[in-house]
Amino acid sequence: MIKVIAACVIGAVLAGGATFMATSLATDSTATAEPVNETLYNYGDR
């Protein structure tokens, strides 16, 4: 029974760490992005 509880705790720690790493990488990549100053849809001159 102790092995099952230990496996659940280790799995939860690994899942939390993976989530933290994924969110930190996602925010780092969006923080360095520059906003676009052009129009989103350009259908040409009218």
C-alpha atoms as a PDB file:
ATOM      1  CA  MET A   1       0.000   0.000   0.000  1.00  0.00           C
ATOM      2  CA  ILE A   2       2.891   2.349   0.769  1.00  0.00           C
ATOM      3  CA  LYS A   3       4.334   1.752  -2.718  1.00  0.00           C
ATOM      4  CA  VAL A   4       1.049   2.814  -4.321  1.00  0.00           C
ATOM      5  CA  ILE A   5       0.902   6.002  -2.255  1.00  0.00           C
ATOM      6  CA  ALA A   6       4.567   6.753  -3.021  1.00  0.00           C
ATOM      7  CA  ALA A   7       3.953   6.205  -6.742  1.00  0.00           C
ATOM      8  CA  CYS A   8       0.976   8.596  -6.638  1.00  0.00           C
ATOM      9  CA  VAL A   9       3.025  11.254  -4.840  1.00  0.00           C
ATOM     10  CA  ILE A  10       5.933  10.923  -7.262  1.00  0.00           C
ATOM     11  CA  GLY A  11       3.552  11.057 -10.238  1.00  0.00           C
ATOM     12  CA  ALA A  12       1.878  14.191  -8.893  1.00  0.00           C
ATOM     13  CA  VAL A  13       5.261  15.870  -8.354  1.00  0.00           C
ATOM     14  CA  LEU A  14       6.408  14.975 -11.870  1.00  0.00           C
ATOM     15  CA  ALA A  15       3.141  16.200 -13.394  1.00  0.00           C
ATOM     16  CA  GLY A  16       3.359  19.468 -11.471  1.00  0.00           C
ATOM     17  CA  GLY A  17       6.976  19.980 -12.507  1.00  0.00           C
ATOM     18  CA  ALA A  18       6.190  19.270 -16.154  1.00  0.00           C
ATOM     19  CA  THR A  19       3.283  21.713 -16.069  1.00  0.00           C
ATOM     20  CA  PHE A  20       5.459  24.395 -14.492  1.00  0.00           C
ATOM     21  CA  MET A  21       8.189  23.919 -17.093  1.00  0.00           C
ATOM     22  CA  ALA A  22       5.702  24.024 -19.988  1.00  0.00           C
ATOM     23  CA  THR A  23       4.036  27.200 -18.756  1.00  0.00           C
ATOM     24  CA  SER A  24       7.350  28.925 -18.073  1.00  0.00           C
ATOM     25  CA  LEU A  25       8.600  28.088 -21.568  1.00  0.00           C
ATOM     26  CA  ALA A  26       5.325  29.297 -23.109  1.00  0.00           C
ATOM     27  CA  THR A  27       5.422  32.617 -21.259  1.00  0.00           C
ATOM     28  CA  ASP A  28       9.097  33.135 -22.104  1.00  0.00           C
ATOM     29  CA  SER A  29       8.424  32.682 -25.815  1.00  0.00           C
ATOM     30  CA  THR A  30       5.432  35.043 -25.823  1.00  0.00           C
ATOM     31  CA  ALA A  31       7.203  37.659 -23.702  1.00  0.00           C
ATOM     32  CA  THR A  32       9.908  38.142 -26.327  1.00  0.00           C
ATOM     33  CA  ALA A  33       7.421  38.398 -29.220  1.00  0.00           C
ATOM     34  CA  GLU A  34       6.800  41.854 -30.626  1.00  0.00           C
ATOM     35  CA  PRO A  35       3.293  43.050 -31.468  1.00  0.00           C
ATOM     36  CA  VAL A  36       2.328  43.455 -35.092  1.00  0.00           C
ATOM     37  CA  ASN A  37       1.475  46.999 -36.149  1.00  0.00           C
ATOM     38  CA  GLU A  38      -0.058  46.032 -39.500  1.00  0.00           C
ATOM     39  CA  THR A  39      -3.666  45.179 -40.240  1.00  0.00           C
ATOM     40  CA  LEU A  40      -4.562  41.556 -39.729  1.00  0.00           C
ATOM     41  CA  TYR A  41      -6.516  41.165 -42.961  1.00  0.00           C
ATOM     42  CA  ASN A  42      -5.118  42.849 -46.038  1.00  0.00           C
ATOM     43  CA  TYR A  43      -7.440  42.478 -49.021  1.00  0.00           C
ATOM     44  CA  GLY A  44      -5.588  44.979 -51.183  1.00  0.00           C
ATOM     45  CA  ASP A  45      -6.523  48.480 -52.314  1.00  0.00           C
ATOM     46  CA  ARG A  46     -10.200  49.266 -52.724  1.00  0.00           C
END
